């Protein structure tokens, strides 16, 4: 069933009024798990995040938090999707999470981190080729019903081969001969000429968010420009709405009985592409093993700095652990988010272009 939504391209029959009648399309957002990343991704804190009903690309090296960020989105959608008031989509009656774990590995204690309901509610897939994944996602789009919110994650695009490559591999194994052909070209061709060209129009107006996880690859022989990229060709740059690159800044360590162990990481999230907010915004996040994104710690690090030991809250000094406990015990997360938004917006206000409009 087609969902009515504002038509941003509708124009008047009178040519002189065409430009004035084009309106901006409203955008809904899904919480990233971090107020800071919400601001970087959408310009909004508590009510911002990943663009709902769009294509999101999470890019990074190993252990940079890509899978964790996808799980945070899925968990938020499952636990809070029915509560979201939307200017675009109808009220959510059902939330469906499809996690296409092409890599075949999921080491996170999902039930402990996100609850029993989350673990049992996910539909797990394990695609082998880009064509197989394309067909699965296409069927999800075709069977989508009004009042349903679908989050589909492919983890990762790099783990998928092409059907041609799979056939060559099977033939080489059978005949004990070397393979020929180029995997990357075949994948890029399918993505640009078939997959994205079709699914973007099929997704239009439907409450379907596609999250594509990509591994970074070093570009061989590059002497000018960026030295790292990802597989998928130009299609990922053209069709995605938000592209977030993740990188580990440092490992967080604690020492007990003389033994030092890593308990989490601090990561940098860079919005390298953004069609729904200002691009090139960054956020530093703290991720704890067996817990997930630590929004409170990340927010405090932004407001006070990651290494400051005494933090002042309403005239009272706390060490970092005590302030975190105080905020949690007194349910002050919204107040903390408000202060983060205020500090973020002060910076945005200070750097904005203050010029007279050229057109009215």
Protein backbone atom coordinates (compact mmCIF):
# COMPACT_ATOMS: atom_id res chain seq x y z
CA UNK A 1 0.00 0.00 0.00
CA UNK A 2 1.37 3.40 -0.92
CA UNK A 3 1.98 5.79 1.97
CA UNK A 4 1.04 9.40 1.39
CA UNK A 5 3.88 11.77 2.08
CA UNK A 6 4.68 15.36 1.12
CA UNK A 7 5.78 15.56 -2.51
CA UNK A 8 8.90 17.71 -2.58
CA UNK A 9 8.96 17.86 -6.40
CA UNK A 10 5.36 18.87 -7.06
CA UNK A 11 5.17 22.20 -8.88
CA UNK A 12 2.48 24.54 -10.05
CA UNK A 13 1.09 24.52 -13.56
CA UNK A 14 2.08 28.17 -13.64
CA UNK A 15 5.83 28.17 -14.51
CA UNK A 16 6.38 31.46 -12.69
CA UNK A 17 5.43 29.78 -9.39
CA UNK A 18 7.34 26.54 -9.77
CA UNK A 19 10.37 27.42 -7.67
CA UNK A 20 8.37 28.92 -4.82
CA UNK A 21 6.16 25.86 -4.46
CA UNK A 22 8.97 23.31 -4.06
CA UNK A 23 9.06 22.30 -0.37
CA UNK A 24 11.65 20.54 1.71
CA UNK A 25 10.78 16.95 2.56
CA UNK A 26 10.51 16.26 6.31
CA UNK A 27 12.96 13.71 7.70
CA UNK A 28 12.52 11.41 10.70
CA UNK A 29 15.52 10.17 12.64
CA UNK A 30 16.41 7.05 14.62
CA UNK A 31 18.62 7.41 17.69
CA UNK A 32 22.23 6.32 17.17
CA UNK A 33 22.75 5.49 20.85
CA UNK A 34 24.74 8.68 21.36
CA UNK A 35 23.53 12.27 21.69
CA UNK A 36 26.83 13.46 20.21
CA UNK A 37 26.56 11.23 17.16
CA UNK A 38 22.94 12.30 16.76
CA UNK A 39 24.16 15.90 16.54
CA UNK A 40 26.92 15.03 14.07
CA UNK A 41 24.55 12.99 11.90
CA UNK A 42 21.46 15.19 11.96
CA UNK A 43 22.15 18.45 13.76
CA UNK A 44 19.68 17.34 16.44
CA UNK A 45 20.50 15.81 19.81
CA UNK A 46 17.80 13.92 21.69
CA UNK A 47 15.52 13.71 18.65
CA UNK A 48 18.16 13.21 15.97
CA UNK A 49 20.27 10.38 14.59
CA UNK A 50 20.25 8.23 11.47
CA UNK A 51 17.85 9.23 8.71
CA UNK A 52 14.82 6.94 8.85
CA UNK A 53 13.73 5.38 5.59
CA UNK A 54 17.10 6.08 3.96
CA UNK A 55 20.38 4.27 3.17
CA UNK A 56 23.12 4.49 5.80
CA UNK A 57 26.74 3.41 5.27
CA UNK A 58 28.99 2.66 8.26
CA UNK A 59 32.64 2.43 7.24
CA UNK A 60 35.70 1.48 9.26
CA UNK A 61 38.60 -0.81 9.98
CA UNK A 62 38.34 -3.90 12.15
CA UNK A 63 37.24 -3.26 15.75
CA UNK A 64 36.19 0.32 15.01
CA UNK A 65 32.61 -0.09 16.23
CA UNK A 66 30.73 -0.62 12.95
CA UNK A 67 28.72 -3.65 14.08
CA UNK A 68 28.14 -2.08 17.49
CA UNK A 69 26.66 1.06 15.92
CA UNK A 70 24.36 -1.05 13.75
CA UNK A 71 23.20 -3.04 16.79
CA UNK A 72 22.55 0.18 18.72
CA UNK A 73 20.26 1.38 15.93
CA UNK A 74 18.44 -1.95 15.81
CA UNK A 75 17.99 -2.05 19.58
CA UNK A 76 16.61 1.48 19.68
CA UNK A 77 14.19 0.78 16.84
CA UNK A 78 12.93 -2.41 18.47
CA UNK A 79 12.48 -0.96 21.95
CA UNK A 80 11.23 2.52 20.99
CA UNK A 81 10.05 2.35 17.37
CA UNK A 82 6.36 2.27 18.27
CA UNK A 83 6.73 5.38 20.44
CA UNK A 84 8.17 7.65 17.74
CA UNK A 85 5.88 10.37 16.42
CA UNK A 86 6.47 10.71 12.70
CA UNK A 87 5.84 13.49 10.23
CA UNK A 88 6.47 11.08 7.36
CA UNK A 89 5.31 7.56 8.20
CA UNK A 90 2.14 6.13 9.78
CA UNK A 91 2.11 4.91 13.38
CA UNK A 92 4.30 1.83 13.81
CA UNK A 93 2.42 -1.34 14.63
CA UNK A 94 5.34 -3.72 14.09
CA UNK A 95 9.12 -3.39 14.12
CA UNK A 96 11.07 -5.89 12.05
CA UNK A 97 14.84 -6.27 12.28
CA UNK A 98 16.70 -8.27 9.62
CA UNK A 99 20.41 -8.70 10.29
CA UNK A 100 22.20 -10.19 7.31
CA UNK A 101 25.36 -11.44 8.96
CA UNK A 102 27.35 -12.22 5.83
CA UNK A 103 30.56 -12.48 7.85
CA UNK A 104 29.00 -15.32 9.84
CA UNK A 105 30.41 -14.10 13.17
CA UNK A 106 28.62 -12.34 16.04
CA UNK A 107 30.74 -12.27 19.19
CA UNK A 108 28.74 -9.69 21.15
CA UNK A 109 26.65 -10.89 24.14
CA UNK A 110 23.50 -9.55 22.51
CA UNK A 111 21.03 -10.73 25.12
CA UNK A 112 23.04 -9.20 27.97
CA UNK A 113 23.50 -5.90 26.13
CA UNK A 114 20.08 -5.38 24.57
CA UNK A 115 17.68 -7.79 26.30
CA UNK A 116 15.99 -11.12 25.62
CA UNK A 117 13.30 -9.59 23.42
CA UNK A 118 15.92 -8.11 21.13
CA UNK A 119 17.77 -11.41 20.63
CA UNK A 120 14.64 -13.43 19.87
CA UNK A 121 13.08 -10.73 17.67
CA UNK A 122 15.91 -10.47 15.12
CA UNK A 123 15.65 -12.32 11.83
CA UNK A 124 19.14 -13.58 11.02
CA UNK A 125 20.28 -14.04 7.42
CA UNK A 126 23.61 -15.16 6.00
CA UNK A 127 23.93 -14.12 2.35
CA UNK A 128 26.87 -15.31 0.28
CA UNK A 129 26.67 -13.18 -2.89
CA UNK A 130 25.60 -9.62 -3.61
CA UNK A 131 22.92 -11.02 -5.90
CA UNK A 132 21.51 -13.24 -3.13
CA UNK A 133 21.47 -10.29 -0.72
CA UNK A 134 19.82 -8.13 -3.36
CA UNK A 135 17.03 -10.66 -3.86
CA UNK A 136 16.44 -11.01 -0.12
CA UNK A 137 16.25 -7.28 0.41
CA UNK A 138 14.04 -6.89 -2.65
CA UNK A 139 11.58 -9.43 -1.23
CA UNK A 140 11.52 -7.55 2.07
CA UNK A 141 10.61 -4.35 0.23
CA UNK A 142 7.88 -6.06 -1.80
CA UNK A 143 6.30 -7.68 1.28
CA UNK A 144 6.50 -4.53 3.41
CA UNK A 145 3.18 -3.43 4.88
CA UNK A 146 1.90 -0.07 6.06
CA UNK A 147 2.53 0.37 9.78
CA UNK A 148 5.68 -1.77 9.69
CA UNK A 149 9.16 -0.40 10.44
CA UNK A 150 11.96 -2.41 8.84
CA UNK A 151 15.65 -2.08 9.69
CA UNK A 152 17.82 -4.20 7.38
CA UNK A 153 21.55 -4.51 8.11
CA UNK A 154 24.12 -6.09 5.79
CA UNK A 155 27.32 -6.88 7.72
CA UNK A 156 29.38 -6.53 5.69
CA UNK A 157 29.25 -5.68 2.01
CA UNK A 158 32.89 -6.74 1.70
CA UNK A 159 32.03 -10.28 2.82
CA UNK A 160 29.78 -10.81 -0.19
CA UNK A 161 31.23 -12.25 -3.36
CA UNK A 162 29.54 -12.10 -6.77
CA UNK A 163 27.63 -15.01 -8.26
CA UNK A 164 30.14 -15.06 -11.09
CA UNK A 165 33.00 -15.19 -8.59
CA UNK A 166 31.36 -18.01 -6.65
CA UNK A 167 30.87 -20.02 -9.83
CA UNK A 168 34.51 -19.47 -10.82
CA UNK A 169 35.70 -20.55 -7.40
CA UNK A 170 33.63 -23.76 -7.50
CA UNK A 171 34.92 -24.49 -11.00
CA UNK A 172 38.53 -23.87 -9.95
CA UNK A 173 38.15 -26.19 -6.96
CA UNK A 174 36.61 -28.89 -9.11
CA UNK A 175 39.25 -28.64 -11.84
CA UNK A 176 42.16 -27.69 -9.56
CA UNK A 177 43.01 -24.66 -11.71
CA UNK A 178 43.63 -20.96 -11.09
CA UNK A 179 40.68 -18.57 -11.20
CA UNK A 180 40.30 -15.68 -13.61
CA UNK A 181 38.07 -12.61 -13.55
CA UNK A 182 37.73 -9.61 -11.24
CA UNK A 183 35.48 -9.76 -8.20
CA UNK A 184 35.42 -6.03 -7.42
CA UNK A 185 34.28 -5.03 -10.89
CA UNK A 186 31.45 -7.56 -10.89
CA UNK A 187 30.19 -6.41 -7.48
CA UNK A 188 30.39 -2.75 -8.40
CA UNK A 189 28.56 -3.39 -11.68
CA UNK A 190 25.72 -5.22 -9.92
CA UNK A 191 25.38 -2.53 -7.25
CA UNK A 192 25.34 0.40 -9.66
CA UNK A 193 23.44 -1.05 -12.62
CA UNK A 194 20.95 -3.30 -10.82
CA UNK A 195 20.69 -3.10 -7.04
CA UNK A 196 20.69 0.61 -6.19
CA UNK A 197 19.03 1.61 -9.46
CA UNK A 198 16.01 -0.49 -8.50
CA UNK A 199 15.76 -0.47 -4.71
CA UNK A 200 15.83 3.32 -4.28
CA UNK A 201 12.58 3.74 -6.17
CA UNK A 202 11.09 0.65 -4.50
CA UNK A 203 11.95 2.03 -1.03
CA UNK A 204 10.36 5.40 -1.73
CA UNK A 205 7.64 6.16 0.79
CA UNK A 206 8.24 3.01 2.83
CA UNK A 207 9.44 2.84 6.42
CA UNK A 208 12.55 0.87 5.47
CA UNK A 209 16.06 1.80 6.63
CA UNK A 210 19.00 0.02 5.01
CA UNK A 211 22.32 -0.07 6.90
CA UNK A 212 25.35 -1.13 4.87
CA UNK A 213 28.55 -1.91 6.77
CA UNK A 214 31.81 -1.53 4.85
CA UNK A 215 35.44 -2.31 5.59
CA UNK A 216 38.08 0.23 4.64
CA UNK A 217 40.60 -0.73 1.98
CA UNK A 218 43.92 0.89 1.22
CA UNK A 219 44.11 2.27 -2.31
CA UNK A 220 47.18 0.93 -4.06
CA UNK A 221 49.39 3.46 -5.83
CA UNK A 222 47.53 6.57 -4.60
CA UNK A 223 49.82 9.57 -4.16
CA UNK A 224 47.17 12.32 -4.07
CA UNK A 225 43.85 12.39 -2.24
CA UNK A 226 42.46 9.89 0.22
CA UNK A 227 44.47 6.70 0.59
CA UNK A 228 41.56 4.62 1.87
CA UNK A 229 38.26 3.63 0.31
CA UNK A 230 35.67 0.84 0.36
CA UNK A 231 34.33 -1.69 -2.10
CA UNK A 232 31.14 -1.02 -4.01
CA UNK A 233 32.30 1.50 -6.56
CA UNK A 234 30.76 4.96 -6.99
CA UNK A 235 27.27 3.63 -6.25
CA UNK A 236 27.82 3.87 -2.48
CA UNK A 237 28.85 7.51 -2.83
CA UNK A 238 25.88 8.36 -5.03
CA UNK A 239 22.96 6.48 -3.44
CA UNK A 240 23.69 6.67 0.29
CA UNK A 241 22.19 9.45 2.42
CA UNK A 242 24.59 9.31 5.37
CA UNK A 243 28.13 7.89 5.34
CA UNK A 244 29.88 7.62 8.69
CA UNK A 245 33.54 6.61 8.94
CA UNK A 246 34.59 5.11 12.27
CA UNK A 247 38.11 4.81 13.65
CA UNK A 248 39.57 3.70 16.97
CA UNK A 249 41.26 6.53 18.90
CA UNK A 250 42.46 4.58 21.90
CA UNK A 251 41.90 1.47 23.96
CA UNK A 252 40.49 2.08 27.44
CA UNK A 253 42.36 0.16 30.12
CA UNK A 254 42.10 -0.60 33.82
CA UNK A 255 44.60 -2.22 36.15
CA UNK A 256 43.60 -4.65 38.90
CA UNK A 257 46.06 -6.60 41.04
CA UNK A 258 48.85 -5.39 38.83
CA UNK A 259 47.24 -6.72 35.65
CA UNK A 260 46.16 -4.27 32.93
CA UNK A 261 43.20 -5.13 30.71
CA UNK A 262 41.22 -3.38 27.99
CA UNK A 263 37.55 -2.79 28.87
CA UNK A 264 36.48 -0.55 25.99
CA UNK A 265 37.52 1.78 23.20
CA UNK A 266 37.15 5.43 22.29
CA UNK A 267 36.21 5.93 18.66
CA UNK A 268 35.96 8.87 16.29
CA UNK A 269 32.90 9.07 14.03
CA UNK A 270 33.25 11.28 10.95
CA UNK A 271 30.24 12.11 8.77
CA UNK A 272 31.88 12.15 5.33
CA UNK A 273 28.57 12.35 3.48
CA UNK A 274 25.27 13.75 4.68
CA UNK A 275 22.19 14.63 2.65
CA UNK A 276 20.01 15.47 5.65
CA UNK A 277 22.25 17.80 7.72
CA UNK A 278 25.53 19.69 7.56
CA UNK A 279 28.33 17.37 6.42
CA UNK A 280 31.79 16.75 7.87
CA UNK A 281 30.72 16.83 11.53
CA UNK A 282 32.59 14.62 14.01
CA UNK A 283 31.85 12.98 17.35
CA UNK A 284 33.97 11.01 19.80
CA UNK A 285 32.23 8.04 21.42
CA UNK A 286 33.07 5.67 24.25
CA UNK A 287 32.16 2.03 23.67
CA UNK A 288 32.29 -0.47 26.54
CA UNK A 289 32.56 -4.20 26.01
CA UNK A 290 29.44 -6.10 27.12
CA UNK A 291 27.54 -2.79 27.38
CA UNK A 292 27.58 -0.86 24.13
CA UNK A 293 27.79 2.87 23.49
CA UNK A 294 28.25 4.76 26.77
CA UNK A 295 26.26 7.89 26.01
CA UNK A 296 26.77 9.43 29.46
CA UNK A 297 30.57 8.99 29.45
CA UNK A 298 30.79 10.24 25.86
CA UNK A 299 28.75 13.34 26.72
CA UNK A 300 30.82 14.10 29.82
CA UNK A 301 34.04 13.71 27.81
CA UNK A 302 32.68 16.25 25.30
CA UNK A 303 31.67 18.77 27.97
CA UNK A 304 34.69 18.45 30.30
CA UNK A 305 37.36 16.64 28.29
CA UNK A 306 38.24 12.92 28.44
CA UNK A 307 41.06 13.23 30.98
CA UNK A 308 39.74 15.77 33.55
CA UNK A 309 39.35 14.05 36.94
CA UNK A 310 37.02 16.43 38.83
CA UNK A 311 33.80 17.41 37.07
CA UNK A 312 31.55 20.18 38.33
CA UNK A 313 27.78 19.68 38.09
CA UNK A 314 25.57 22.48 39.44
CA UNK A 315 28.33 23.70 41.74
CA UNK A 316 29.20 20.27 43.13
CA UNK A 317 32.46 18.50 42.22
CA UNK A 318 32.40 14.78 41.38
CA UNK A 319 34.91 12.31 40.10
CA UNK A 320 33.85 10.86 36.77
CA UNK A 321 32.45 7.57 38.08
CA UNK A 322 30.43 9.30 40.82
CA UNK A 323 28.93 11.82 38.40
CA UNK A 324 27.90 9.03 36.02
CA UNK A 325 26.19 7.23 38.92
CA UNK A 326 24.54 10.50 40.04
CA UNK A 327 23.13 11.13 36.55
CA UNK A 328 21.85 7.56 36.22
CA UNK A 329 20.35 7.35 39.71
CA UNK A 330 18.55 10.69 39.32
CA UNK A 331 17.51 10.11 35.69
CA UNK A 332 19.30 13.22 34.47
CA UNK A 333 20.15 11.85 31.02
CA UNK A 334 17.84 14.36 29.30
CA UNK A 335 19.41 17.24 31.22
CA UNK A 336 22.88 16.03 30.23
CA UNK A 337 21.77 15.77 26.60
CA UNK A 338 20.35 19.30 26.80
CA UNK A 339 23.70 20.64 27.99
CA UNK A 340 25.53 18.78 25.23
CA UNK A 341 23.14 20.20 22.62
CA UNK A 342 23.63 23.69 24.02
CA UNK A 343 27.43 23.42 23.87
CA UNK A 344 27.30 21.93 20.35
CA UNK A 345 24.96 24.64 19.06
CA UNK A 346 27.16 27.39 20.52
CA UNK A 347 29.94 26.18 18.24
CA UNK A 348 27.59 25.95 15.24
CA UNK A 349 26.35 29.48 15.91
CA UNK A 350 29.90 30.82 16.17
CA UNK A 351 31.01 29.42 12.79
CA UNK A 352 27.87 29.98 10.73
CA UNK A 353 27.98 32.25 7.69
CA UNK A 354 26.53 35.62 8.68
CA UNK A 355 25.88 37.17 5.30
CA UNK A 356 22.99 38.99 3.71
CA UNK A 357 20.78 36.69 1.67
CA UNK A 358 21.36 36.90 -2.05
CA UNK A 359 17.81 35.83 -2.89
CA UNK A 360 14.51 36.40 -1.11
